Amino acid sequence: MPRKNIELGKLGESLAVDYLQNQGHTILFQNYRNQFGEIDIISLCDDVLFCIEVKYRTHTIHFHPLEVFNETKQRRLRKLYYYLIKEHPPLSHLTVSFSLAHLNEKREVYFYSHLF
């Protein structure tokens, strides 16, 4: 991955974390990884566990947040979630929300929760 993309990804995640914390989220994990992949941010708010994908896009014409989550990505995120709750059983009683934090070229954060 080109260095510029890595830097933009880190910036996007940082801005998303700030936004989520301002909305009352407690950040539990950033860049949670296991053998199935990675979840960018995992947060807790109002007894809901948010598994959040962060995308920084400069061109958003005709963009719909569900475009990020094709069937393969959805299966992978579910596997990551199941592994997470096996590793951290106290989280298993929470409702889960697979969500997207989308940042645009103006660095504005748009948060879409409960996408699937």
PDB file of N, CA and C in Angstrom:
ATOM      1  N   MET A   1       0.857  -1.178   0.000  1.00  0.00           N
ATOM      2  CA  MET A   1       0.000   0.000   0.000  1.00  0.00           C
ATOM      3  C   MET A   1       0.902   1.241   0.000  1.00  0.00           C
ATOM      4  N   PRO A   2       0.641   2.193  -0.896  1.00  0.00           N
ATOM      5  CA  PRO A   2       1.459   3.405  -0.945  1.00  0.00           C
ATOM      6  C   PRO A   2       1.399   4.177   0.372  1.00  0.00           C
ATOM      7  N   ARG A   3       2.519   4.801   0.705  1.00  0.00           N
ATOM      8  CA  ARG A   3       2.648   5.549   1.968  1.00  0.00           C
ATOM      9  C   ARG A   3       1.539   6.597   2.127  1.00  0.00           C
ATOM     10  N   LYS A   4       1.200   7.274   1.029  1.00  0.00           N
ATOM     11  CA  LYS A   4       0.160   8.305   1.100  1.00  0.00           C
ATOM     12  C   LYS A   4      -1.171   7.702   1.549  1.00  0.00           C
ATOM     13  N   ASN A   5      -1.516   6.513   1.043  1.00  0.00           N
ATOM     14  CA  ASN A   5      -2.763   5.853   1.454  1.00  0.00           C
ATOM     15  C   ASN A   5      -2.738   5.472   2.924  1.00  0.00           C
ATOM     16  N   ILE A   6      -1.582   5.013   3.414  1.00  0.00           N
ATOM     17  CA  ILE A   6      -1.451   4.654   4.827  1.00  0.00           C
ATOM     18  C   ILE A   6      -1.637   5.894   5.692  1.00  0.00           C
ATOM     19  N   GLU A   7      -1.022   6.996   5.293  1.00  0.00           N
ATOM     20  CA  GLU A   7      -1.152   8.247   6.053  1.00  0.00           C
ATOM     21  C   GLU A   7      -2.590   8.744   6.045  1.00  0.00           C
ATOM     22  N   LEU A   8      -3.253   8.677   4.887  1.00  0.00           N
ATOM     23  CA  LEU A   8      -4.661   9.084   4.823  1.00  0.00           C
ATOM     24  C   LEU A   8      -5.533   8.173   5.683  1.00  0.00           C
ATOM     25  N   GLY A   9      -5.235   6.885   5.686  1.00  0.00           N
ATOM     26  CA  GLY A   9      -5.986   5.943   6.509  1.00  0.00           C
ATOM     27  C   GLY A   9      -5.851   6.261   7.988  1.00  0.00           C
ATOM     28  N   LYS A  10      -4.631   6.554   8.422  1.00  0.00           N
ATOM     29  CA  LYS A  10      -4.402   6.901   9.828  1.00  0.00           C
ATOM     30  C   LYS A  10      -5.102   8.206  10.191  1.00  0.00           C
ATOM     31  N   LEU A  11      -5.025   9.190   9.294  1.00  0.00           N
ATOM     32  CA  LEU A  11      -5.705  10.451   9.530  1.00  0.00           C
ATOM     33  C   LEU A  11      -7.216  10.228   9.616  1.00  0.00           C
ATOM     34  N   GLY A  12      -7.756   9.450   8.697  1.00  0.00           N
ATOM     35  CA  GLY A  12      -9.185   9.158   8.697  1.00  0.00           C
ATOM     36  C   GLY A  12      -9.630   8.487   9.988  1.00  0.00           C
ATOM     37  N   GLU A  13      -8.851   7.514  10.441  1.00  0.00           N
ATOM     38  CA  GLU A  13      -9.200   6.824  11.687  1.00  0.00           C
ATOM     39  C   GLU A  13      -9.127   7.769  12.884  1.00  0.00           C
ATOM     40  N   SER A  14      -8.134   8.631  12.904  1.00  0.00           N
ATOM     41  CA  SER A  14      -7.999   9.601  13.992  1.00  0.00           C
ATOM     42  C   SER A  14      -9.196  10.556  14.032  1.00  0.00           C
ATOM     43  N   LEU A  15      -9.585  11.063  12.863  1.00  0.00           N
ATOM     44  CA  LEU A  15     -10.750  11.952  12.800  1.00  0.00           C
ATOM     45  C   LEU A  15     -12.030  11.217  13.187  1.00  0.00           C
ATOM     46  N   ALA A  16     -12.142   9.963  12.774  1.00  0.00           N
ATOM     47  CA  ALA A  16     -13.319   9.168  13.131  1.00  0.00           C
ATOM     48  C   ALA A  16     -13.373   8.923  14.631  1.00  0.00           C
ATOM     49  N   VAL A  17     -12.240   8.616  15.248  1.00  0.00           N
ATOM     50  CA  VAL A  17     -12.194   8.415  16.700  1.00  0.00           C
ATOM     51  C   VAL A  17     -12.634   9.680  17.426  1.00  0.00           C
ATOM     52  N   ASP A  18     -12.110  10.828  17.016  1.00  0.00           N
ATOM     53  CA  ASP A  18     -12.515  12.102  17.641  1.00  0.00           C
ATOM     54  C   ASP A  18     -14.014  12.309  17.521  1.00  0.00           C
ATOM     55  N   TYR A  19     -14.545  12.077  16.329  1.00  0.00           N
ATOM     56  CA  TYR A  19     -15.984  12.240  16.101  1.00  0.00           C
ATOM     57  C   TYR A  19     -16.783  11.313  17.016  1.00  0.00           C
ATOM     58  N   LEU A  20     -16.404  10.037  17.046  1.00  0.00           N
ATOM     59  CA  LEU A  20     -17.146   9.065  17.847  1.00  0.00           C
ATOM     60  C   LEU A  20     -17.099   9.412  19.337  1.00  0.00           C
ATOM     61  N   GLN A  21     -15.937   9.803  19.820  1.00  0.00           N
ATOM     62  CA  GLN A  21     -15.831  10.187  21.224  1.00  0.00           C
ATOM     63  C   GLN A  21     -16.709  11.397  21.533  1.00  0.00           C
ATOM     64  N   ASN A  22     -16.772  12.341  20.620  1.00  0.00           N
ATOM     65  CA  ASN A  22     -17.649  13.507  20.804  1.00  0.00           C
ATOM     66  C   ASN A  22     -19.122  13.120  20.796  1.00  0.00           C
ATOM     67  N   GLN A  23     -19.448  11.977  20.202  1.00  0.00           N
ATOM     68  CA  GLN A  23     -20.826  11.479  20.167  1.00  0.00           C
ATOM     69  C   GLN A  23     -21.126  10.551  21.347  1.00  0.00           C
ATOM     70  N   GLY A  24     -20.166  10.377  22.255  1.00  0.00           N
ATOM     71  CA  GLY A  24     -20.389   9.570  23.441  1.00  0.00           C
ATOM     72  C   GLY A  24     -19.883   8.146  23.370  1.00  0.00           C
ATOM     73  N   HIS A  25     -19.153   7.799  22.335  1.00  0.00           N
ATOM     74  CA  HIS A  25     -18.605   6.451  22.202  1.00  0.00           C
ATOM     75  C   HIS A  25     -17.351   6.297  23.048  1.00  0.00           C
ATOM     76  N   THR A  26     -17.192   5.118  23.604  1.00  0.00           N
ATOM     77  CA  THR A  26     -15.944   4.717  24.242  1.00  0.00           C
ATOM     78  C   THR A  26     -15.219   3.812  23.257  1.00  0.00           C
ATOM     79  N   ILE A  27     -14.001   4.172  22.916  1.00  0.00           N
ATOM     80  CA  ILE A  27     -13.225   3.382  21.961  1.00  0.00           C
ATOM     81  C   ILE A  27     -12.607   2.209  22.710  1.00  0.00           C
ATOM     82  N   LEU A  28     -12.955   0.992  22.289  1.00  0.00           N
ATOM     83  CA  LEU A  28     -12.418  -0.209  22.925  1.00  0.00           C
ATOM     84  C   LEU A  28     -11.167  -0.714  22.215  1.00  0.00           C
ATOM     85  N   PHE A  29     -11.188  -0.697  20.891  1.00  0.00           N
ATOM     86  CA  PHE A  29     -10.064  -1.189  20.097  1.00  0.00           C
ATOM     87  C   PHE A  29      -9.931  -0.346  18.830  1.00  0.00           C
ATOM     88  N   GLN A  30      -8.693  -0.177  18.406  1.00  0.00           N
ATOM     89  CA  GLN A  30      -8.416   0.362  17.080  1.00  0.00           C
ATOM     90  C   GLN A  30      -7.574  -0.674  16.354  1.00  0.00           C
ATOM     91  N   ASN A  31      -7.898  -0.905  15.104  1.00  0.00           N
ATOM     92  CA  ASN A  31      -7.180  -1.863  14.268  1.00  0.00           C
ATOM     93  C   ASN A  31      -7.150  -3.255  14.910  1.00  0.00           C
ATOM     94  N   TYR A  32      -8.326  -3.716  15.337  1.00  0.00           N
ATOM     95  CA  TYR A  32      -8.445  -5.054  15.918  1.00  0.00           C
ATOM     96  C   TYR A  32      -8.225  -6.079  14.811  1.00  0.00           C
ATOM     97  N   ARG A  33      -7.269  -6.983  15.021  1.00  0.00           N
ATOM     98  CA  ARG A  33      -6.922  -7.968  13.991  1.00  0.00           C
ATOM     99  C   ARG A  33      -6.997  -9.383  14.542  1.00  0.00           C
ATOM    100  N   ASN A  34      -7.393 -10.287  13.657  1.00  0.00           N
ATOM    101  CA  ASN A  34      -7.240 -11.717  13.889  1.00  0.00           C
ATOM    102  C   ASN A  34      -7.052 -12.368  12.518  1.00  0.00           C
ATOM    103  N   GLN A  35      -7.131 -13.691  12.466  1.00  0.00           N
ATOM    104  CA  GLN A  35      -6.823 -14.376  11.209  1.00  0.00           C
ATOM    105  C   GLN A  35      -7.807 -14.073  10.079  1.00  0.00           C
ATOM    106  N   PHE A  36      -8.954 -13.479  10.386  1.00  0.00           N
ATOM    107  CA  PHE A  36      -9.951 -13.196   9.353  1.00  0.00           C
ATOM    108  C   PHE A  36      -9.820 -11.793   8.766  1.00  0.00           C
ATOM    109  N   GLY A  37      -9.034 -10.936   9.411  1.00  0.00           N
ATOM    110  CA  GLY A  37      -8.887  -9.583   8.903  1.00  0.00           C
ATOM    111  C   GLY A  37      -8.800  -8.552  10.007  1.00  0.00           C
ATOM    112  N   GLU A  38      -9.359  -7.372   9.749  1.00  0.00           N
ATOM    113  CA  GLU A  38      -9.234  -6.251  10.671  1.00  0.00           C
ATOM    114  C   GLU A  38     -10.538  -5.462  10.745  1.00  0.00           C
ATOM    115  N   ILE A  39     -10.836  -4.985  11.947  1.00  0.00           N
ATOM    116  CA  ILE A  39     -11.906  -4.015  12.150  1.00  0.00           C
ATOM    117  C   ILE A  39     -11.211  -2.721  12.551  1.00  0.00           C
ATOM    118  N   ASP A  40     -11.491  -1.636  11.836  1.00  0.00           N
ATOM    119  CA  ASP A  40     -10.783  -0.383  12.069  1.00  0.00           C
ATOM    120  C   ASP A  40     -10.997   0.155  13.482  1.00  0.00           C
ATOM    121  N   ILE A  41     -12.259   0.234  13.905  1.00  0.00           N
ATOM    122  CA  ILE A  41     -12.576   0.769  15.235  1.00  0.00           C
ATOM    123  C   ILE A  41     -13.690  -0.076  15.839  1.00  0.00           C
ATOM    124  N   ILE A  42     -13.544  -0.400  17.111  1.00  0.00           N
ATOM    125  CA  ILE A  42     -14.618  -1.036  17.864  1.00  0.00           C
ATOM    126  C   ILE A  42     -14.911  -0.124  19.040  1.00  0.00           C
ATOM    127  N   SER A  43     -16.169   0.297  19.131  1.00  0.00           N
ATOM    128  CA  SER A  43     -16.545   1.232  20.188  1.00  0.00           C
ATOM    129  C   SER A  43     -17.813   0.756  20.888  1.00  0.00           C
ATOM    130  N   LEU A  44     -18.068   1.379  22.014  1.00  0.00           N
ATOM    131  CA  LEU A  44     -19.248   1.073  22.816  1.00  0.00           C
ATOM    132  C   LEU A  44     -20.018   2.362  23.076  1.00  0.00           C
ATOM    133  N   CYS A  45     -21.330   2.312  22.861  1.00  0.00           N
ATOM    134  CA  CYS A  45     -22.190   3.457  23.142  1.00  0.00           C
ATOM    135  C   CYS A  45     -23.603   2.947  23.389  1.00  0.00           C
ATOM    136  N   ASP A  46     -24.172   3.301  24.533  1.00  0.00           N
ATOM    137  CA  ASP A  46     -25.553   2.915  24.864  1.00  0.00           C
ATOM    138  C   ASP A  46     -25.793   1.410  24.716  1.00  0.00           C
ATOM    139  N   ASP A  47     -24.904   0.603  25.272  1.00  0.00           N
ATOM    140  CA  ASP A  47     -25.014  -0.861  25.242  1.00  0.00           C
ATOM    141  C   ASP A  47     -25.042  -1.442  23.831  1.00  0.00           C
ATOM    142  N   VAL A  48     -24.468  -0.739  22.883  1.00  0.00           N
ATOM    143  CA  VAL A  48     -24.312  -1.242  21.518  1.00  0.00           C
ATOM    144  C   VAL A  48     -22.817  -1.296  21.222  1.00  0.00           C
ATOM    145  N   LEU A  49     -22.380  -2.429  20.693  1.00  0.00           N
ATOM    146  CA  LEU A  49     -20.996  -2.612  20.282  1.00  0.00           C
ATOM    147  C   LEU A  49     -20.912  -2.279  18.793  1.00  0.00           C
ATOM    148  N   PHE A  50     -20.156  -1.256  18.460  1.00  0.00           N
ATOM    149  CA  PHE A  50     -20.031  -0.800  17.077  1.00  0.00           C
ATOM    150  C   PHE A  50     -18.735  -1.329  16.474  1.00  0.00           C
ATOM    151  N   CYS A  51     -18.862  -2.075  15.390  1.00  0.00           N
ATOM    152  CA  CYS A  51     -17.724  -2.542  14.593  1.00  0.00           C
ATOM    153  C   CYS A  51     -17.692  -1.643  13.367  1.00  0.00           C
ATOM    154  N   ILE A  52     -16.681  -0.784  13.297  1.00  0.00           N
ATOM    155  CA  ILE A  52     -16.708   0.335  12.357  1.00  0.00           C
ATOM    156  C   ILE A  52     -15.595   0.234  11.324  1.00  0.00           C
ATOM    157  N   GLU A  53     -15.985   0.297  10.077  1.00  0.00           N
ATOM    158  CA  GLU A  53     -15.071   0.414   8.952  1.00  0.00           C
ATOM    159  C   GLU A  53     -14.904   1.908   8.682  1.00  0.00           C
ATOM    160  N   VAL A  54     -13.673   2.352   8.475  1.00  0.00           N
ATOM    161  CA  VAL A  54     -13.411   3.763   8.186  1.00  0.00           C
ATOM    162  C   VAL A  54     -12.980   3.875   6.730  1.00  0.00           C
ATOM    163  N   LYS A  55     -13.644   4.764   5.997  1.00  0.00           N
ATOM    164  CA  LYS A  55     -13.295   5.021   4.593  1.00  0.00           C
ATOM    165  C   LYS A  55     -13.141   6.513   4.378  1.00  0.00           C
ATOM    166  N   TYR A  56     -12.032   6.884   3.771  1.00  0.00           N
ATOM    167  CA  TYR A  56     -11.752   8.266   3.420  1.00  0.00           C
ATOM    168  C   TYR A  56     -11.881   8.340   1.907  1.00  0.00           C
ATOM    169  N   ARG A  57     -12.912   9.006   1.435  1.00  0.00           N
ATOM    170  CA  ARG A  57     -13.145   9.086  -0.014  1.00  0.00           C
ATOM    171  C   ARG A  57     -13.271  10.539  -0.439  1.00  0.00           C
ATOM    172  N   THR A  58     -12.579  10.886  -1.492  1.00  0.00           N
ATOM    173  CA  THR A  58     -12.664  12.254  -1.993  1.00  0.00           C
ATOM    174  C   THR A  58     -13.723  12.396  -3.068  1.00  0.00           C
ATOM    175  N   HIS A  59     -14.076  11.304  -3.721  1.00  0.00           N
ATOM    176  CA  HIS A  59     -15.102  11.348  -4.761  1.00  0.00           C
ATOM    177  C   HIS A  59     -16.293  10.541  -4.282  1.00  0.00           C
ATOM    178  N   THR A  60     -17.379  11.233  -3.960  1.00  0.00           N
ATOM    179  CA  THR A  60     -18.527  10.548  -3.372  1.00  0.00           C
ATOM    180  C   THR A  60     -19.802  10.706  -4.185  1.00  0.00           C
ATOM    181  N   ILE A  61     -19.660  11.049  -5.444  1.00  0.00           N
ATOM    182  CA  ILE A  61     -20.843  11.160  -6.289  1.00  0.00           C
ATOM    183  C   ILE A  61     -21.463   9.777  -6.422  1.00  0.00           C
ATOM    184  N   HIS A  62     -22.741   9.689  -6.157  1.00  0.00           N
ATOM    185  CA  HIS A  62     -23.489   8.433  -6.216  1.00  0.00           C
ATOM    186  C   HIS A  62     -22.956   7.388  -5.239  1.00  0.00           C
ATOM    187  N   PHE A  63     -22.384   7.831  -4.151  1.00  0.00           N
ATOM    188  CA  PHE A  63     -21.852   6.915  -3.141  1.00  0.00           C
ATOM    189  C   PHE A  63     -22.956   6.498  -2.186  1.00  0.00           C
ATOM    190  N   HIS A  64     -23.044   5.201  -1.945  1.00  0.00           N
ATOM    191  CA  HIS A  64     -23.949   4.682  -0.919  1.00  0.00           C
ATOM    192  C   HIS A  64     -23.109   3.884   0.064  1.00  0.00           C
ATOM    193  N   PRO A  65     -23.307   4.086   1.375  1.00  0.00           N
ATOM    194  CA  PRO A  65     -22.441   3.438   2.362  1.00  0.00           C
ATOM    195  C   PRO A  65     -22.409   1.916   2.284  1.00  0.00           C
ATOM    196  N   LEU A  66     -23.472   1.297   1.828  1.00  0.00           N
ATOM    197  CA  LEU A  66     -23.475  -0.159   1.742  1.00  0.00           C
ATOM    198  C   LEU A  66     -22.546  -0.686   0.655  1.00  0.00           C
ATOM    199  N   GLU A  67     -22.108   0.182  -0.267  1.00  0.00           N
ATOM    200  CA  GLU A  67     -21.169  -0.238  -1.306  1.00  0.00           C
ATOM    201  C   GLU A  67     -19.877  -0.771  -0.708  1.00  0.00           C
ATOM    202  N   VAL A  68     -19.545  -0.325   0.477  1.00  0.00           N
ATOM    203  CA  VAL A  68     -18.320  -0.750   1.148  1.00  0.00           C
ATOM    204  C   VAL A  68     -18.417  -2.206   1.587  1.00  0.00           C
ATOM    205  N   PHE A  69     -19.639  -2.672   1.835  1.00  0.00           N
ATOM    206  CA  PHE A  69     -19.849  -3.984   2.448  1.00  0.00           C
ATOM    207  C   PHE A  69     -20.466  -4.985   1.485  1.00  0.00           C
ATOM    208  N   ASN A  70     -19.657  -5.530   0.582  1.00  0.00           N
ATOM    209  CA  ASN A  70     -20.162  -6.602  -0.270  1.00  0.00           C
ATOM    210  C   ASN A  70     -20.340  -7.860   0.585  1.00  0.00           C
ATOM    211  N   GLU A  71     -20.862  -8.928   0.009  1.00  0.00           N
ATOM    212  CA  GLU A  71     -21.145 -10.144   0.779  1.00  0.00           C
ATOM    213  C   GLU A  71     -19.890 -10.718   1.432  1.00  0.00           C
ATOM    214  N   THR A  72     -18.792 -10.716   0.711  1.00  0.00           N
ATOM    215  CA  THR A  72     -17.550 -11.251   1.256  1.00  0.00           C
ATOM    216  C   THR A  72     -17.092 -10.433   2.461  1.00  0.00           C
ATOM    217  N   LYS A  73     -17.150  -9.118   2.352  1.00  0.00           N
ATOM    218  CA  LYS A  73     -16.754  -8.234   3.458  1.00  0.00           C
ATOM    219  C   LYS A  73     -17.678  -8.439   4.657  1.00  0.00           C
ATOM    220  N   GLN A  74     -18.977  -8.584   4.417  1.00  0.00           N
ATOM    221  CA  GLN A  74     -19.917  -8.817   5.514  1.00  0.00           C
ATOM    222  C   GLN A  74     -19.604 -10.118   6.233  1.00  0.00           C
ATOM    223  N   ARG A  75     -19.338 -11.191   5.496  1.00  0.00           N
ATOM    224  CA  ARG A  75     -18.990 -12.488   6.117  1.00  0.00           C
ATOM    225  C   ARG A  75     -17.712 -12.365   6.940  1.00  0.00           C
ATOM    226  N   ARG A  76     -16.735 -11.684   6.393  1.00  0.00           N
ATOM    227  CA  ARG A  76     -15.453 -11.517   7.086  1.00  0.00           C
ATOM    228  C   ARG A  76     -15.651 -10.734   8.390  1.00  0.00           C
ATOM    229  N   LEU A  77     -16.424  -9.662   8.336  1.00  0.00           N
ATOM    230  CA  LEU A  77     -16.653  -8.863   9.544  1.00  0.00           C
ATOM    231  C   LEU A  77     -17.425  -9.646  10.598  1.00  0.00           C
ATOM    232  N   ARG A  78     -18.371 -10.463  10.173  1.00  0.00           N
ATOM    233  CA  ARG A  78     -19.092 -11.303  11.139  1.00  0.00           C
ATOM    234  C   ARG A  78     -18.142 -12.297  11.812  1.00  0.00           C
ATOM    235  N   LYS A  79     -17.244 -12.893  11.034  1.00  0.00           N
ATOM    236  CA  LYS A  79     -16.270 -13.817  11.609  1.00  0.00           C
ATOM    237  C   LYS A  79     -15.364 -13.090  12.599  1.00  0.00           C
ATOM    238  N   LEU A  80     -14.916 -11.908  12.226  1.00  0.00           N
ATOM    239  CA  LEU A  80     -14.100 -11.108  13.136  1.00  0.00           C
ATOM    240  C   LEU A  80     -14.851 -10.825  14.434  1.00  0.00           C
ATOM    241  N   TYR A  81     -16.120 -10.475  14.318  1.00  0.00           N
ATOM    242  CA  TYR A  81     -16.956 -10.188  15.491  1.00  0.00           C
ATOM    243  C   TYR A  81     -17.078 -11.429  16.370  1.00  0.00           C
ATOM    244  N   TYR A  82     -17.371 -12.588  15.783  1.00  0.00           N
ATOM    245  CA  TYR A  82     -17.520 -13.805  16.581  1.00  0.00           C
ATOM    246  C   TYR A  82     -16.221 -14.162  17.291  1.00  0.00           C
ATOM    247  N   TYR A  83     -15.108 -13.961  16.628  1.00  0.00           N
ATOM    248  CA  TYR A  83     -13.815 -14.207  17.262  1.00  0.00           C
ATOM    249  C   TYR A  83     -13.618 -13.230  18.426  1.00  0.00           C
ATOM    250  N   LEU A  84     -13.969 -11.975  18.215  1.00  0.00           N
ATOM    251  CA  LEU A  84     -13.848 -10.944  19.251  1.00  0.00           C
ATOM    252  C   LEU A  84     -14.632 -11.321  20.507  1.00  0.00           C
ATOM    253  N   ILE A  85     -15.891 -11.751  20.347  1.00  0.00           N
ATOM    254  CA  ILE A  85     -16.689 -12.050  21.542  1.00  0.00           C
ATOM    255  C   ILE A  85     -16.240 -13.346  22.215  1.00  0.00           C
ATOM    256  N   LYS A  86     -15.622 -14.245  21.472  1.00  0.00           N
ATOM    257  CA  LYS A  86     -15.031 -15.427  22.111  1.00  0.00           C
ATOM    258  C   LYS A  86     -13.811 -15.019  22.939  1.00  0.00           C
ATOM    259  N   GLU A  87     -13.067 -14.068  22.416  1.00  0.00           N
ATOM    260  CA  GLU A  87     -11.870 -13.575  23.095  1.00  0.00           C
ATOM    261  C   GLU A  87     -12.222 -12.668  24.281  1.00  0.00           C
ATOM    262  N   HIS A  88     -13.354 -11.972  24.182  1.00  0.00           N
ATOM    263  CA  HIS A  88     -13.803 -11.024  25.210  1.00  0.00           C
ATOM    264  C   HIS A  88     -15.273 -11.298  25.545  1.00  0.00           C
ATOM    265  N   PRO A  89     -15.551 -12.380  26.292  1.00  0.00           N
ATOM    266  CA  PRO A  89     -16.932 -12.801  26.577  1.00  0.00           C
ATOM    267  C   PRO A  89     -17.854 -11.722  27.159  1.00  0.00           C
ATOM    268  N   PRO A  90     -17.377 -10.767  27.978  1.00  0.00           N
ATOM    269  CA  PRO A  90     -18.302  -9.749  28.487  1.00  0.00           C
ATOM    270  C   PRO A  90     -18.974  -8.904  27.395  1.00  0.00           C
ATOM    271  N   LEU A  91     -18.402  -8.904  26.184  1.00  0.00           N
ATOM    272  CA  LEU A  91     -18.990  -8.130  25.082  1.00  0.00           C
ATOM    273  C   LEU A  91     -20.134  -8.873  24.396  1.00  0.00           C
ATOM    274  N   SER A  92     -20.274 -10.160  24.684  1.00  0.00           N
ATOM    275  CA  SER A  92     -21.228 -10.987  23.936  1.00  0.00           C
ATOM    276  C   SER A  92     -22.685 -10.639  24.198  1.00  0.00           C
ATOM    277  N   HIS A  93     -22.996  -9.979  25.305  1.00  0.00           N
ATOM    278  CA  HIS A  93     -24.391  -9.640  25.604  1.00  0.00           C
ATOM    279  C   HIS A  93     -24.858  -8.361  24.901  1.00  0.00           C
ATOM    280  N   LEU A  94     -23.946  -7.662  24.271  1.00  0.00           N
ATOM    281  CA  LEU A  94     -24.272  -6.381  23.639  1.00  0.00           C
ATOM    282  C   LEU A  94     -24.851  -6.579  22.242  1.00  0.00           C
ATOM    283  N   THR A  95     -25.726  -5.685  21.848  1.00  0.00           N
ATOM    284  CA  THR A  95     -26.200  -5.635  20.466  1.00  0.00           C
ATOM    285  C   THR A  95     -25.029  -5.169  19.606  1.00  0.00           C
ATOM    286  N   VAL A  96     -24.862  -5.756  18.434  1.00  0.00           N
ATOM    287  CA  VAL A  96     -23.764  -5.359  17.551  1.00  0.00           C
ATOM    288  C   VAL A  96     -24.311  -4.531  16.391  1.00  0.00           C
ATOM    289  N   SER A  97     -23.529  -3.528  16.004  1.00  0.00           N
ATOM    290  CA  SER A  97     -23.852  -2.693  14.858  1.00  0.00           C
ATOM    291  C   SER A  97     -22.636  -2.646  13.944  1.00  0.00           C
ATOM    292  N   PHE A  98     -22.786  -3.165  12.725  1.00  0.00           N
ATOM    293  CA  PHE A  98     -21.719  -3.042  11.738  1.00  0.00           C
ATOM    294  C   PHE A  98     -21.937  -1.699  11.046  1.00  0.00           C
ATOM    295  N   SER A  99     -20.930  -0.842  11.136  1.00  0.00           N
ATOM    296  CA  SER A  99     -21.112   0.562  10.790  1.00  0.00           C
ATOM    297  C   SER A  99     -19.977   1.080   9.917  1.00  0.00           C
ATOM    298  N   LEU A 100     -20.195   2.281   9.387  1.00  0.00           N
ATOM    299  CA  LEU A 100     -19.219   2.938   8.530  1.00  0.00           C
ATOM    300  C   LEU A 100     -19.023   4.371   8.993  1.00  0.00           C
ATOM    301  N   ALA A 101     -17.756   4.764   9.119  1.00  0.00           N
ATOM    302  CA  ALA A 101     -17.409   6.174   9.308  1.00  0.00           C
ATOM    303  C   ALA A 101     -16.786   6.617   7.993  1.00  0.00           C
ATOM    304  N   HIS A 102     -17.487   7.493   7.309  1.00  0.00           N
ATOM    305  CA  HIS A 102     -17.044   7.963   5.996  1.00  0.00           C
ATOM    306  C   HIS A 102     -16.544   9.392   6.134  1.00  0.00           C
ATOM    307  N   LEU A 103     -15.362   9.647   5.617  1.00  0.00           N
ATOM    308  CA  LEU A 103     -14.795  10.993   5.631  1.00  0.00           C
ATOM    309  C   LEU A 103     -14.677  11.484   4.206  1.00  0.00           C
ATOM    310  N   ASN A 104     -15.032  12.755   3.999  1.00  0.00           N
ATOM    311  CA  ASN A 104     -14.935  13.315   2.656  1.00  0.00           C
ATOM    312  C   ASN A 104     -13.702  14.202   2.524  1.00  0.00           C
ATOM    313  N   GLU A 105     -13.564  14.834   1.378  1.00  0.00           N
ATOM    314  CA  GLU A 105     -12.379  15.647   1.107  1.00  0.00           C
ATOM    315  C   GLU A 105     -12.254  16.841   2.051  1.00  0.00           C
ATOM    316  N   LYS A 106     -13.347  17.251   2.683  1.00  0.00           N
ATOM    317  CA  LYS A 106     -13.315  18.357   3.655  1.00  0.00           C
ATOM    318  C   LYS A 106     -13.046  17.847   5.070  1.00  0.00           C
ATOM    319  N   ARG A 107     -12.792  16.547   5.180  1.00  0.00           N
ATOM    320  CA  ARG A 107     -12.521  15.882   6.456  1.00  0.00           C
ATOM    321  C   ARG A 107     -13.737  15.893   7.381  1.00  0.00           C
ATOM    322  N   GLU A 108     -14.907  15.932   6.779  1.00  0.00           N
ATOM    323  CA  GLU A 108     -16.151  15.820   7.540  1.00  0.00           C
ATOM    324  C   GLU A 108     -16.453  14.338   7.719  1.00  0.00           C
ATOM    325  N   VAL A 109     -16.941  13.974   8.902  1.00  0.00           N
ATOM    326  CA  VAL A 109     -17.245  12.584   9.207  1.00  0.00           C
ATOM    327  C   VAL A 109     -18.744  12.362   9.093  1.00  0.00           C
ATOM    328  N   TYR A 110     -19.123  11.338   8.356  1.00  0.00           N
ATOM    329  CA  TYR A 110     -20.512  10.889   8.277  1.00  0.00           C
ATOM    330  C   TYR A 110     -20.546   9.473   8.831  1.00  0.00           C
ATOM    331  N   PHE A 111     -21.418   9.257   9.798  1.00  0.00           N
ATOM    332  CA  PHE A 111     -21.473   7.968  10.474  1.00  0.00           C
ATOM    333  C   PHE A 111     -22.764   7.256  10.132  1.00  0.00           C
ATOM    334  N   TYR A 112     -22.627   6.031   9.623  1.00  0.00           N
ATOM    335  CA  TYR A 112     -23.766   5.204   9.241  1.00  0.00           C
ATOM    336  C   TYR A 112     -23.736   3.954  10.121  1.00  0.00           C
ATOM    337  N   SER A 113     -24.740   3.808  10.969  1.00  0.00           N
ATOM    338  CA  SER A 113     -24.748   2.665  11.866  1.00  0.00           C
ATOM    339  C   SER A 113     -25.787   1.644  11.420  1.00  0.00           C
ATOM    340  N   HIS A 114     -25.658   0.438  11.960  1.00  0.00           N
ATOM    341  CA  HIS A 114     -26.610  -0.659  11.705  1.00  0.00           C
ATOM    342  C   HIS A 114     -26.815  -0.916  10.204  1.00  0.00           C
ATOM    343  N   LEU A 115     -25.706  -0.990   9.461  1.00  0.00           N
ATOM    344  CA  LEU A 115     -25.811  -1.212   8.018  1.00  0.00           C
ATOM    345  C   LEU A 115     -26.166  -2.652   7.660  1.00  0.00           C
ATOM    346  N   PHE A 116     -25.773  -3.604   8.496  1.00  0.00           N
ATOM    347  CA  PHE A 116     -26.162  -4.994   8.280  1.00  0.00           C
ATOM    348  C   PHE A 116     -26.063  -5.750   9.576  1.00  0.00           C
TER     349      PHE A 116
END
